[in-house]
Amino acid sequence: MKRNTTITYLATLLAAATLSLPSLAQDKEAPKKDDKKPAEADMMATMMELAKLGENHKLLASGVGTWDYKVKFWMNPDNPPVESGGTSVARALMDGRYVITDHTGKMQMPGPDGAMMDAPFVGMSIEGYDNVKKKFVSSWIDNMGTGIMNSEGTYDPGSKTLTYFAEYEPMPGMKTKTREVLKLTDKNHRTLEFFEDRGGKEVKTMEIGYTRKS
């Protein structure tokens, strides 16, 4: 009798364990709720809010138009600058979320014999204000290289100045930190100064003066 009771008890435990296996498996496979992740509706509402245009986008749009520019470029800060110029055309796209600017002109470059010569120059920038980062963002490409320089910056309304910071590699192993300062003098004039970190010392290597075409 005792033996039969023991067998019956063991059989009951085995059956109970077997019945519980599907439930345990289902619990294991069930996705865990992430309490930190917002609901889809909240995420969509936030995305829509972050996609809206603001005053910073209007600030960038103030540069839309055609400009004449003059460049001073210092290969060596101890020597006089090399001067050149051209035209830039800025246009807004995606309802003003971004501004693309095309630069065309000449760049004074040393020729094969060492004498300076005019080389054709083409450059393009795309600028925007990232509502997520709360920073101005910019990318630059030109026909003098194959890289893309990406910058992030801020605006000081007191001095009407945009300041961008970036790092680029003009030569292998020569990563260079840069600072770009764009002064919005008035509706029709602006000045850009470009600085490079050379051996821990910031050096001004370029200055561009823009005048809006009427």
N, C-alpha and C. Protein backbone atom coordinates (compact mmCIF):
# COMPACT_ATOMS: atom_id res chain seq x y z
N MET A 1 0.85 -1.21 0.00
CA MET A 1 0.00 0.00 0.00
C MET A 1 0.87 1.24 0.00
N LYS A 2 1.93 1.18 0.83
CA LYS A 2 2.82 2.34 0.91
C LYS A 2 3.53 2.58 -0.42
N ARG A 3 3.93 1.46 -1.07
CA ARG A 3 4.61 1.57 -2.36
C ARG A 3 3.69 2.19 -3.40
N ASN A 4 2.42 1.76 -3.44
CA ASN A 4 1.46 2.31 -4.40
C ASN A 4 1.22 3.79 -4.17
N THR A 5 1.20 4.17 -2.90
CA THR A 5 1.01 5.58 -2.57
C THR A 5 2.18 6.42 -3.05
N THR A 6 3.37 5.88 -2.90
CA THR A 6 4.58 6.60 -3.35
C THR A 6 4.58 6.76 -4.86
N ILE A 7 4.21 5.68 -5.59
CA ILE A 7 4.18 5.74 -7.06
C ILE A 7 3.15 6.76 -7.53
N THR A 8 1.98 6.74 -6.85
CA THR A 8 0.93 7.70 -7.22
C THR A 8 1.39 9.13 -6.99
N TYR A 9 2.11 9.37 -5.88
CA TYR A 9 2.61 10.72 -5.56
C TYR A 9 3.63 11.20 -6.59
N LEU A 10 4.55 10.29 -6.99
CA LEU A 10 5.56 10.65 -7.99
C LEU A 10 4.91 10.92 -9.35
N ALA A 11 3.93 10.13 -9.69
CA ALA A 11 3.24 10.33 -10.97
C ALA A 11 2.53 11.67 -11.01
N THR A 12 1.96 12.07 -9.88
CA THR A 12 1.28 13.37 -9.79
C THR A 12 2.25 14.51 -9.96
N LEU A 13 3.44 14.42 -9.35
CA LEU A 13 4.46 15.46 -9.50
C LEU A 13 4.94 15.59 -10.94
N LEU A 14 5.15 14.41 -11.60
CA LEU A 14 5.62 14.41 -12.99
C LEU A 14 4.59 15.04 -13.92
N ALA A 15 3.33 14.71 -13.67
CA ALA A 15 2.27 15.28 -14.51
C ALA A 15 2.19 16.79 -14.32
N ALA A 16 2.32 17.22 -13.09
CA ALA A 16 2.26 18.66 -12.82
C ALA A 16 3.41 19.39 -13.48
N ALA A 17 4.61 18.78 -13.44
CA ALA A 17 5.79 19.41 -14.06
C ALA A 17 5.63 19.46 -15.56
N THR A 18 5.07 18.38 -16.14
CA THR A 18 4.87 18.34 -17.59
C THR A 18 3.88 19.39 -18.04
N LEU A 19 2.79 19.55 -17.29
CA LEU A 19 1.78 20.54 -17.64
C LEU A 19 2.31 21.97 -17.53
N SER A 20 3.30 22.17 -16.67
CA SER A 20 3.82 23.53 -16.48
C SER A 20 4.84 23.93 -17.53
N LEU A 21 5.37 22.98 -18.30
CA LEU A 21 6.42 23.30 -19.28
C LEU A 21 5.96 24.28 -20.35
N PRO A 22 4.81 24.10 -21.01
CA PRO A 22 4.39 25.08 -22.03
C PRO A 22 4.25 26.47 -21.46
N SER A 23 3.74 26.59 -20.26
CA SER A 23 3.56 27.90 -19.66
C SER A 23 4.89 28.58 -19.42
N LEU A 24 5.89 27.81 -18.94
CA LEU A 24 7.23 28.37 -18.72
C LEU A 24 7.85 28.82 -20.02
N ALA A 25 7.67 27.98 -21.09
CA ALA A 25 8.23 28.32 -22.39
C ALA A 25 7.60 29.59 -22.93
N GLN A 26 6.28 29.71 -22.74
CA GLN A 26 5.59 30.91 -23.23
C GLN A 26 6.08 32.15 -22.50
N ASP A 27 6.27 32.02 -21.17
CA ASP A 27 6.76 33.15 -20.40
C ASP A 27 8.15 33.57 -20.85
N LYS A 28 8.98 32.58 -21.20
CA LYS A 28 10.36 32.87 -21.64
C LYS A 28 10.39 33.58 -22.98
N GLU A 29 9.45 33.17 -23.88
CA GLU A 29 9.43 33.74 -25.23
C GLU A 29 8.71 35.08 -25.27
N ALA A 30 7.92 35.38 -24.29
CA ALA A 30 7.17 36.63 -24.30
C ALA A 30 8.13 37.81 -24.20
N PRO A 31 7.98 38.80 -25.06
CA PRO A 31 8.88 39.96 -25.02
C PRO A 31 8.74 40.72 -23.72
N LYS A 32 9.88 41.12 -23.19
CA LYS A 32 9.88 41.88 -21.96
C LYS A 32 9.48 43.33 -22.24
N LYS A 33 8.68 43.85 -21.41
CA LYS A 33 8.25 45.24 -21.56
C LYS A 33 9.35 46.18 -21.12
N ASP A 34 9.70 47.11 -21.99
CA ASP A 34 10.70 48.10 -21.66
C ASP A 34 10.01 49.33 -21.11
N ASP A 35 10.07 49.48 -19.81
CA ASP A 35 9.37 50.60 -19.19
C ASP A 35 9.93 51.95 -19.61
N LYS A 36 11.19 51.97 -20.07
CA LYS A 36 11.82 53.24 -20.44
C LYS A 36 11.47 53.67 -21.86
N LYS A 37 11.02 52.73 -22.67
CA LYS A 37 10.70 53.05 -24.06
C LYS A 37 9.30 53.63 -24.15
N PRO A 38 9.14 54.82 -24.79
CA PRO A 38 7.81 55.41 -24.88
C PRO A 38 6.91 54.64 -25.83
N ALA A 39 5.64 54.83 -25.68
CA ALA A 39 4.67 54.17 -26.55
C ALA A 39 4.82 54.71 -27.97
N GLU A 40 4.34 53.91 -28.94
CA GLU A 40 4.48 54.31 -30.35
C GLU A 40 3.83 55.65 -30.62
N ALA A 41 2.66 55.87 -30.05
CA ALA A 41 1.95 57.14 -30.28
C ALA A 41 2.75 58.31 -29.73
N ASP A 42 3.37 58.12 -28.57
CA ASP A 42 4.20 59.18 -27.99
C ASP A 42 5.44 59.44 -28.83
N MET A 43 6.04 58.35 -29.34
CA MET A 43 7.23 58.50 -30.19
C MET A 43 6.89 59.26 -31.46
N MET A 44 5.75 58.93 -32.06
CA MET A 44 5.34 59.61 -33.29
C MET A 44 5.09 61.09 -33.03
N ALA A 45 4.45 61.39 -31.92
CA ALA A 45 4.18 62.79 -31.58
C ALA A 45 5.47 63.56 -31.37
N THR A 46 6.45 62.92 -30.73
CA THR A 46 7.75 63.56 -30.51
C THR A 46 8.48 63.79 -31.83
N MET A 47 8.44 62.79 -32.71
CA MET A 47 9.09 62.92 -34.01
C MET A 47 8.49 64.06 -34.82
N MET A 48 7.17 64.18 -34.77
CA MET A 48 6.50 65.27 -35.50
C MET A 48 6.91 66.63 -34.93
N GLU A 49 7.05 66.69 -33.63
CA GLU A 49 7.45 67.94 -32.99
C GLU A 49 8.89 68.30 -33.36
N LEU A 50 9.77 67.30 -33.39
CA LEU A 50 11.17 67.54 -33.72
C LEU A 50 11.38 67.88 -35.19
N ALA A 51 10.41 67.57 -36.03
CA ALA A 51 10.52 67.88 -37.46
C ALA A 51 10.09 69.30 -37.80
N LYS A 52 9.56 70.03 -36.82
CA LYS A 52 9.06 71.37 -37.08
C LYS A 52 10.19 72.36 -37.30
N LEU A 53 9.92 73.36 -38.13
CA LEU A 53 10.88 74.44 -38.36
C LEU A 53 10.83 75.45 -37.22
N GLY A 54 11.98 76.05 -36.94
CA GLY A 54 12.05 77.05 -35.88
C GLY A 54 12.85 78.26 -36.29
N GLU A 55 13.15 79.11 -35.33
CA GLU A 55 13.88 80.34 -35.60
C GLU A 55 15.28 80.06 -36.13
N ASN A 56 15.89 78.96 -35.71
CA ASN A 56 17.24 78.64 -36.18
C ASN A 56 17.25 78.28 -37.67
N HIS A 57 16.16 77.66 -38.13
CA HIS A 57 16.06 77.37 -39.56
C HIS A 57 15.85 78.65 -40.36
N LYS A 58 15.09 79.58 -39.79
CA LYS A 58 14.90 80.88 -40.45
C LYS A 58 16.22 81.64 -40.52
N LEU A 59 17.05 81.48 -39.50
CA LEU A 59 18.35 82.13 -39.50
C LEU A 59 19.20 81.64 -40.66
N LEU A 60 19.22 80.34 -40.87
CA LEU A 60 19.98 79.78 -41.99
C LEU A 60 19.39 80.22 -43.33
N ALA A 61 18.07 80.30 -43.39
CA ALA A 61 17.40 80.69 -44.64
C ALA A 61 17.71 82.13 -45.02
N SER A 62 18.18 82.93 -44.06
CA SER A 62 18.53 84.32 -44.39
C SER A 62 19.70 84.40 -45.35
N GLY A 63 20.43 83.29 -45.50
CA GLY A 63 21.56 83.26 -46.43
C GLY A 63 21.20 82.84 -47.83
N VAL A 64 19.93 82.52 -48.06
CA VAL A 64 19.50 82.09 -49.40
C VAL A 64 19.65 83.25 -50.38
N GLY A 65 20.24 82.97 -51.54
CA GLY A 65 20.46 84.00 -52.55
C GLY A 65 21.79 83.80 -53.24
N THR A 66 22.20 84.80 -54.01
CA THR A 66 23.46 84.76 -54.74
C THR A 66 24.43 85.78 -54.16
N TRP A 67 25.66 85.34 -53.94
CA TRP A 67 26.67 86.17 -53.29
C TRP A 67 27.97 86.16 -54.09
N ASP A 68 28.63 87.31 -54.12
CA ASP A 68 30.03 87.36 -54.56
C ASP A 68 30.91 87.18 -53.34
N TYR A 69 32.00 86.46 -53.50
CA TYR A 69 32.90 86.30 -52.35
C TYR A 69 34.35 86.51 -52.75
N LYS A 70 35.13 86.98 -51.80
CA LYS A 70 36.57 87.14 -51.96
C LYS A 70 37.27 86.37 -50.84
N VAL A 71 38.30 85.61 -51.23
CA VAL A 71 38.98 84.72 -50.30
C VAL A 71 40.43 85.18 -50.07
N LYS A 72 40.83 85.14 -48.80
CA LYS A 72 42.24 85.26 -48.45
C LYS A 72 42.65 83.94 -47.82
N PHE A 73 43.72 83.34 -48.33
CA PHE A 73 44.14 82.02 -47.88
C PHE A 73 45.60 82.05 -47.50
N TRP A 74 45.89 81.59 -46.27
CA TRP A 74 47.26 81.57 -45.80
C TRP A 74 47.80 80.14 -45.80
N MET A 75 48.69 79.82 -46.74
CA MET A 75 49.37 78.53 -46.69
C MET A 75 50.31 78.51 -45.49
N ASN A 76 50.98 79.66 -45.29
CA ASN A 76 51.88 79.85 -44.15
C ASN A 76 51.47 81.15 -43.47
N PRO A 77 51.11 81.11 -42.19
CA PRO A 77 50.63 82.33 -41.52
C PRO A 77 51.66 83.45 -41.47
N ASP A 78 52.92 83.12 -41.72
CA ASP A 78 53.98 84.15 -41.70
C ASP A 78 54.11 84.86 -43.04
N ASN A 79 53.44 84.33 -44.06
CA ASN A 79 53.53 84.92 -45.40
C ASN A 79 52.23 85.65 -45.75
N PRO A 80 52.29 86.57 -46.74
CA PRO A 80 51.06 87.25 -47.17
C PRO A 80 50.05 86.24 -47.70
N PRO A 81 48.75 86.54 -47.59
CA PRO A 81 47.74 85.59 -48.06
C PRO A 81 47.65 85.54 -49.57
N VAL A 82 47.19 84.42 -50.07
CA VAL A 82 46.86 84.27 -51.48
C VAL A 82 45.39 84.64 -51.63
N GLU A 83 45.07 85.47 -52.65
CA GLU A 83 43.69 85.96 -52.80
C GLU A 83 43.04 85.41 -54.06
N SER A 84 41.76 85.15 -53.95
CA SER A 84 40.97 84.69 -55.08
C SER A 84 39.51 85.02 -54.79
N GLY A 85 38.61 84.54 -55.65
CA GLY A 85 37.20 84.87 -55.44
C GLY A 85 36.29 84.03 -56.30
N GLY A 86 34.99 84.30 -56.18
CA GLY A 86 34.01 83.55 -56.94
C GLY A 86 32.60 83.94 -56.57
N THR A 87 31.68 83.03 -56.85
CA THR A 87 30.26 83.26 -56.59
C THR A 87 29.67 82.07 -55.84
N SER A 88 28.79 82.35 -54.91
CA SER A 88 28.08 81.27 -54.22
C SER A 88 26.58 81.48 -54.37
N VAL A 89 25.88 80.38 -54.55
CA VAL A 89 24.43 80.41 -54.71
C VAL A 89 23.83 79.48 -53.66
N ALA A 90 23.01 80.03 -52.76
CA ALA A 90 22.40 79.26 -51.68
C ALA A 90 20.91 79.09 -51.94
N ARG A 91 20.42 77.89 -51.73
CA ARG A 91 19.00 77.60 -51.92
C ARG A 91 18.49 76.73 -50.78
N ALA A 92 17.24 76.93 -50.42
CA ALA A 92 16.62 76.13 -49.36
C ALA A 92 15.95 74.91 -49.97
N LEU A 93 15.88 73.84 -49.20
CA LEU A 93 15.17 72.66 -49.65
C LEU A 93 14.47 71.99 -48.47
N MET A 94 13.54 71.09 -48.79
CA MET A 94 12.71 70.42 -47.79
C MET A 94 12.02 71.43 -46.88
N ASP A 95 11.35 72.38 -47.54
CA ASP A 95 10.55 73.40 -46.84
C ASP A 95 11.37 74.28 -45.91
N GLY A 96 12.68 74.40 -46.19
CA GLY A 96 13.52 75.28 -45.39
C GLY A 96 14.26 74.58 -44.26
N ARG A 97 14.20 73.26 -44.22
CA ARG A 97 14.92 72.54 -43.18
C ARG A 97 16.43 72.55 -43.41
N TYR A 98 16.83 72.69 -44.66
CA TYR A 98 18.25 72.70 -44.99
C TYR A 98 18.53 73.79 -46.03
N VAL A 99 19.79 74.20 -46.06
CA VAL A 99 20.24 75.16 -47.08
C VAL A 99 21.48 74.57 -47.75
N ILE A 100 21.44 74.47 -49.06
CA ILE A 100 22.58 74.00 -49.85
C ILE A 100 23.20 75.20 -50.55
N THR A 101 24.52 75.31 -50.48
CA THR A 101 25.23 76.42 -51.12
C THR A 101 26.30 75.87 -52.06
N ASP A 102 26.25 76.33 -53.31
CA ASP A 102 27.25 75.95 -54.31
C ASP A 102 28.24 77.10 -54.50
N HIS A 103 29.53 76.79 -54.38
CA HIS A 103 30.59 77.77 -54.60
C HIS A 103 31.32 77.45 -55.90
N THR A 104 31.51 78.45 -56.74
CA THR A 104 32.31 78.29 -57.95
C THR A 104 33.24 79.49 -58.07
N GLY A 105 34.48 79.22 -58.44
CA GLY A 105 35.44 80.32 -58.57
C GLY A 105 36.81 79.82 -58.94
N LYS A 106 37.81 80.57 -58.54
CA LYS A 106 39.22 80.24 -58.80
C LYS A 106 39.97 80.13 -57.48
N MET A 107 40.97 79.28 -57.48
CA MET A 107 41.82 79.13 -56.31
C MET A 107 43.27 79.21 -56.76
N GLN A 108 44.02 80.13 -56.15
CA GLN A 108 45.44 80.26 -56.48
C GLN A 108 46.22 79.07 -55.92
N MET A 109 46.87 78.33 -56.82
CA MET A 109 47.61 77.13 -56.43
C MET A 109 49.00 77.15 -57.07
N PRO A 110 50.01 76.57 -56.40
CA PRO A 110 51.33 76.48 -57.02
C PRO A 110 51.29 75.54 -58.23
N GLY A 111 51.82 76.01 -59.36
CA GLY A 111 51.87 75.19 -60.55
C GLY A 111 53.07 74.26 -60.55
N PRO A 112 53.25 73.48 -61.65
CA PRO A 112 54.37 72.53 -61.74
C PRO A 112 55.74 73.20 -61.60
N ASP A 113 55.82 74.45 -62.06
CA ASP A 113 57.10 75.16 -62.00
C ASP A 113 57.24 75.98 -60.72
N GLY A 114 56.24 75.87 -59.82
CA GLY A 114 56.30 76.60 -58.56
C GLY A 114 55.60 77.94 -58.61
N ALA A 115 55.30 78.43 -59.81
CA ALA A 115 54.60 79.71 -59.94
C ALA A 115 53.11 79.52 -59.62
N MET A 116 52.51 80.58 -59.08
CA MET A 116 51.09 80.51 -58.72
C MET A 116 50.22 80.56 -59.97
N MET A 117 49.16 79.78 -59.98
CA MET A 117 48.26 79.74 -61.13
C MET A 117 46.82 79.61 -60.61
N ASP A 118 45.87 80.06 -61.44
CA ASP A 118 44.46 79.95 -61.10
C ASP A 118 43.96 78.55 -61.41
N ALA A 119 43.41 77.88 -60.42
CA ALA A 119 42.81 76.56 -60.62
C ALA A 119 41.31 76.68 -60.38
N PRO A 120 40.49 75.98 -61.16
CA PRO A 120 39.04 76.05 -60.95
C PRO A 120 38.68 75.45 -59.60
N PHE A 121 37.76 76.10 -58.91
CA PHE A 121 37.33 75.63 -57.60
C PHE A 121 35.82 75.46 -57.57
N VAL A 122 35.39 74.31 -57.06
CA VAL A 122 33.96 74.02 -56.88
C VAL A 122 33.78 73.43 -55.49
N GLY A 123 32.87 73.99 -54.72
CA GLY A 123 32.59 73.47 -53.39
C GLY A 123 31.11 73.50 -53.10
N MET A 124 30.68 72.68 -52.15
CA MET A 124 29.26 72.63 -51.80
C MET A 124 29.11 72.38 -50.29
N SER A 125 28.19 73.11 -49.69
CA SER A 125 27.88 72.89 -48.28
C SER A 125 26.39 72.60 -48.14
N ILE A 126 26.05 71.83 -47.11
CA ILE A 126 24.66 71.65 -46.72
C ILE A 126 24.59 71.93 -45.23
N GLU A 127 23.67 72.82 -44.86
CA GLU A 127 23.56 73.26 -43.47
C GLU A 127 22.15 73.02 -42.95
N GLY A 128 22.06 72.82 -41.67
CA GLY A 128 20.75 72.65 -41.04
C GLY A 128 20.85 72.91 -39.55
N TYR A 129 19.71 72.83 -38.89
CA TYR A 129 19.69 72.89 -37.43
C TYR A 129 19.03 71.62 -36.94
N ASP A 130 19.77 70.84 -36.16
CA ASP A 130 19.30 69.56 -35.66
C ASP A 130 18.53 69.78 -34.35
N ASN A 131 17.21 69.59 -34.40
CA ASN A 131 16.38 69.80 -33.21
C ASN A 131 16.66 68.79 -32.11
N VAL A 132 17.22 67.63 -32.47
CA VAL A 132 17.55 66.62 -31.47
C VAL A 132 18.82 67.00 -30.73
N LYS A 133 19.87 67.32 -31.49
CA LYS A 133 21.15 67.70 -30.88
C LYS A 133 21.12 69.12 -30.33
N LYS A 134 20.15 69.92 -30.82
CA LYS A 134 20.10 71.35 -30.50
C LYS A 134 21.40 72.04 -30.90
N LYS A 135 21.83 71.70 -32.12
CA LYS A 135 23.04 72.29 -32.68
C LYS A 135 22.86 72.53 -34.17
N PHE A 136 23.61 73.51 -34.68
CA PHE A 136 23.69 73.69 -36.12
C PHE A 136 24.63 72.61 -36.66
N VAL A 137 24.30 72.08 -37.82
CA VAL A 137 25.12 71.02 -38.43
C VAL A 137 25.44 71.42 -39.87
N SER A 138 26.62 71.01 -40.32
CA SER A 138 27.05 71.39 -41.66
C SER A 138 27.98 70.32 -42.22
N SER A 139 27.88 70.10 -43.53
CA SER A 139 28.81 69.21 -44.24
C SER A 139 29.37 69.96 -45.43
N TRP A 140 30.64 69.70 -45.74
CA TRP A 140 31.32 70.42 -46.83
C TRP A 140 32.09 69.44 -47.71
N ILE A 141 31.99 69.62 -49.04
CA ILE A 141 32.79 68.88 -50.01
C ILE A 141 33.31 69.86 -51.06
N ASP A 142 34.45 69.53 -51.68
CA ASP A 142 34.95 70.35 -52.79
C ASP A 142 35.82 69.51 -53.70
N ASN A 143 36.24 70.12 -54.82
CA ASN A 143 37.02 69.38 -55.81
C ASN A 143 38.51 69.34 -55.49
N MET A 144 38.90 69.79 -54.29
CA MET A 144 40.29 69.74 -53.87
C MET A 144 40.58 68.50 -53.02
N GLY A 145 39.60 67.64 -52.86
CA GLY A 145 39.78 66.43 -52.06
C GLY A 145 38.63 65.47 -52.29
N THR A 146 38.62 64.37 -51.52
CA THR A 146 37.56 63.37 -51.65
C THR A 146 36.84 63.11 -50.34
N GLY A 147 37.18 63.84 -49.28
CA GLY A 147 36.55 63.64 -47.99
C GLY A 147 35.35 64.55 -47.79
N ILE A 148 34.62 64.29 -46.73
CA ILE A 148 33.49 65.11 -46.32
C ILE A 148 33.78 65.63 -44.92
N MET A 149 33.75 66.95 -44.75
CA MET A 149 33.98 67.53 -43.44
C MET A 149 32.64 67.84 -42.79
N ASN A 150 32.40 67.24 -41.63
CA ASN A 150 31.16 67.45 -40.89
C ASN A 150 31.43 68.31 -39.67
N SER A 151 30.59 69.33 -39.48
CA SER A 151 30.78 70.28 -38.39
C SER A 151 29.51 70.40 -37.55
N GLU A 152 29.69 70.81 -36.31
CA GLU A 152 28.57 71.14 -35.43
C GLU A 152 28.85 72.48 -34.79
N GLY A 153 27.79 73.28 -34.58
CA GLY A 153 28.05 74.60 -34.04
C GLY A 153 26.87 75.20 -33.30
N THR A 154 27.09 76.42 -32.84
CA THR A 154 26.09 77.16 -32.07
C THR A 154 26.03 78.59 -32.60
N TYR A 155 24.98 79.30 -32.18
CA TYR A 155 24.79 80.69 -32.62
C TYR A 155 24.74 81.60 -31.41
N ASP A 156 25.47 82.72 -31.50
CA ASP A 156 25.44 83.75 -30.46
C ASP A 156 24.67 84.94 -31.00
N PRO A 157 23.43 85.16 -30.55
CA PRO A 157 22.64 86.28 -31.08
C PRO A 157 23.23 87.64 -30.74
N GLY A 158 23.98 87.73 -29.64
CA GLY A 158 24.57 89.01 -29.27
C GLY A 158 25.57 89.51 -30.29
N SER A 159 26.43 88.61 -30.75
CA SER A 159 27.45 88.98 -31.75
C SER A 159 27.04 88.61 -33.17
N LYS A 160 25.84 88.00 -33.32
CA LYS A 160 25.35 87.54 -34.62
C LYS A 160 26.39 86.64 -35.30
N THR A 161 26.85 85.65 -34.55
CA THR A 161 27.95 84.81 -35.01
C THR A 161 27.62 83.34 -34.86
N LEU A 162 27.83 82.61 -35.94
CA LEU A 162 27.76 81.15 -35.93
C LEU A 162 29.17 80.61 -35.77
N THR A 163 29.36 79.67 -34.85
CA THR A 163 30.68 79.07 -34.63
C THR A 163 30.57 77.56 -34.78
N TYR A 164 31.34 77.00 -35.73
CA TYR A 164 31.33 75.57 -35.99
C TYR A 164 32.67 74.96 -35.60
N PHE A 165 32.63 73.71 -35.13
CA PHE A 165 33.83 72.96 -34.82
C PHE A 165 33.83 71.65 -35.62
N ALA A 166 35.02 71.25 -36.07
CA ALA A 166 35.12 70.02 -36.86
C ALA A 166 36.52 69.44 -36.73
N GLU A 167 36.68 68.27 -37.29
CA GLU A 167 37.99 67.64 -37.42
C GLU A 167 38.06 66.97 -38.79
N TYR A 168 39.12 67.23 -39.54
CA TYR A 168 39.26 66.59 -40.84
C TYR A 168 40.71 66.12 -41.01
N GLU A 169 40.92 65.30 -42.04
CA GLU A 169 42.24 64.70 -42.27
C GLU A 169 42.69 65.01 -43.69
N PRO A 170 43.38 66.16 -43.92
CA PRO A 170 43.79 66.53 -45.27
C PRO A 170 44.85 65.60 -45.85
N MET A 171 45.69 65.05 -44.99
CA MET A 171 46.72 64.09 -45.38
C MET A 171 46.65 62.90 -44.43
N PRO A 172 47.07 61.70 -44.87
CA PRO A 172 47.03 60.55 -43.97
C PRO A 172 47.78 60.81 -42.67
N GLY A 173 47.08 60.60 -41.56
CA GLY A 173 47.69 60.79 -40.25
C GLY A 173 47.73 62.22 -39.77
N MET A 174 47.16 63.15 -40.55
CA MET A 174 47.19 64.57 -40.17
C MET A 174 45.78 65.05 -39.77
N LYS A 175 45.22 64.42 -38.76
CA LYS A 175 43.90 64.87 -38.29
C LYS A 175 44.03 66.27 -37.69
N THR A 176 43.16 67.16 -38.16
CA THR A 176 43.27 68.57 -37.80
C THR A 176 41.94 69.08 -37.25
N LYS A 177 41.98 69.68 -36.08
CA LYS A 177 40.79 70.30 -35.51
C LYS A 177 40.64 71.70 -36.09
N THR A 178 39.38 72.10 -36.34
CA THR A 178 39.12 73.39 -36.95
C THR A 178 38.03 74.15 -36.19
N ARG A 179 38.06 75.45 -36.36
CA ARG A 179 37.00 76.33 -35.84
C ARG A 179 36.64 77.29 -36.96
N GLU A 180 35.35 77.39 -37.22
CA GLU A 180 34.84 78.23 -38.31
C GLU A 180 33.88 79.25 -37.72
N VAL A 181 34.13 80.52 -37.98
CA VAL A 181 33.32 81.59 -37.40
C VAL A 181 32.68 82.39 -38.53
N LEU A 182 31.35 82.38 -38.57
CA LEU A 182 30.61 83.12 -39.59
C LEU A 182 29.90 84.29 -38.94
N LYS A 183 30.33 85.49 -39.29
CA LYS A 183 29.75 86.72 -38.75
C LYS A 183 28.70 87.25 -39.71
N LEU A 184 27.43 87.32 -39.25
CA LEU A 184 26.34 87.83 -40.08
C LEU A 184 26.26 89.35 -39.88
N THR A 185 27.09 90.05 -40.61
CA THR A 185 27.24 91.49 -40.40
C THR A 185 25.92 92.23 -40.58
N ASP A 186 25.28 92.01 -41.73
CA ASP A 186 23.96 92.56 -41.99
C ASP A 186 23.31 91.70 -43.07
N LYS A 187 22.17 92.17 -43.59
CA LYS A 187 21.43 91.36 -44.55
C LYS A 187 22.24 91.04 -45.80
N ASN A 188 23.15 91.93 -46.17
CA ASN A 188 23.86 91.78 -47.44
C ASN A 188 25.36 91.52 -47.29
N HIS A 189 25.83 91.38 -46.08
CA HIS A 189 27.27 91.16 -45.88
C HIS A 189 27.50 90.15 -44.76
N ARG A 190 28.49 89.29 -44.95
CA ARG A 190 28.89 88.34 -43.92
C ARG A 190 30.36 87.95 -44.13
N THR A 191 31.00 87.58 -43.05
CA THR A 191 32.42 87.24 -43.11
C THR A 191 32.65 85.90 -42.43
N LEU A 192 33.44 85.05 -43.08
CA LEU A 192 33.78 83.76 -42.50
C LEU A 192 35.29 83.71 -42.23
N GLU A 193 35.65 83.28 -41.03
CA GLU A 193 37.05 83.06 -40.68
C GLU A 193 37.24 81.60 -40.33
N PHE A 194 38.34 81.03 -40.83
CA PHE A 194 38.62 79.61 -40.65
C PHE A 194 39.94 79.45 -39.93
N PHE A 195 39.91 78.69 -38.83
CA PHE A 195 41.10 78.48 -38.00
C PHE A 195 41.43 76.99 -37.92
N GLU A 196 42.74 76.69 -37.88
CA GLU A 196 43.20 75.32 -37.73
C GLU A 196 44.10 75.19 -36.51
N ASP A 197 44.04 74.03 -35.89
CA ASP A 197 44.94 73.72 -34.77
C ASP A 197 46.23 73.13 -35.35
N ARG A 198 47.31 73.85 -35.21
CA ARG A 198 48.61 73.38 -35.71
C ARG A 198 49.58 73.25 -34.55
N GLY A 199 49.77 72.00 -34.13
CA GLY A 199 50.68 71.75 -33.02
C GLY A 199 50.23 72.35 -31.71
N GLY A 200 48.90 72.37 -31.48
CA GLY A 200 48.37 72.93 -30.24
C GLY A 200 48.16 74.43 -30.29
N LYS A 201 48.48 75.05 -31.42
CA LYS A 201 48.29 76.49 -31.58
C LYS A 201 47.27 76.74 -32.68
N GLU A 202 46.25 77.56 -32.36
CA GLU A 202 45.23 77.88 -33.36
C GLU A 202 45.75 78.95 -34.31
N VAL A 203 45.63 78.66 -35.60
CA VAL A 203 46.15 79.57 -36.63
C VAL A 203 45.04 79.88 -37.63
N LYS A 204 44.90 81.14 -37.99
CA LYS A 204 43.92 81.54 -39.00
C LYS A 204 44.48 81.22 -40.37
N THR A 205 43.74 80.42 -41.14
CA THR A 205 44.22 80.01 -42.47
C THR A 205 43.37 80.53 -43.62
N MET A 206 42.18 81.06 -43.31
CA MET A 206 41.33 81.53 -44.41
C MET A 206 40.34 82.57 -43.92
N GLU A 207 40.03 83.50 -44.79
CA GLU A 207 38.99 84.50 -44.52
C GLU A 207 38.22 84.73 -45.81
N ILE A 208 36.89 84.72 -45.71
CA ILE A 208 36.05 84.93 -46.88
C ILE A 208 35.05 86.06 -46.59
N GLY A 209 35.00 87.03 -47.47
CA GLY A 209 34.04 88.12 -47.37
C GLY A 209 32.94 87.93 -48.41
N TYR A 210 31.69 87.92 -47.96
CA TYR A 210 30.54 87.71 -48.86
C TYR A 210 29.74 89.01 -49.00
N THR A 211 29.35 89.31 -50.25
CA THR A 211 28.47 90.44 -50.52
C THR A 211 27.31 89.95 -51.39
N ARG A 212 26.10 90.19 -50.93
CA ARG A 212 24.94 89.70 -51.68
C ARG A 212 24.79 90.46 -52.99
N LYS A 213 24.50 89.72 -54.04
CA LYS A 213 24.22 90.35 -55.34
C LYS A 213 22.81 90.91 -55.32
N SER A 214 22.68 92.11 -55.85
CA SER A 214 21.35 92.74 -55.90
C SER A 214 20.52 92.13 -57.02
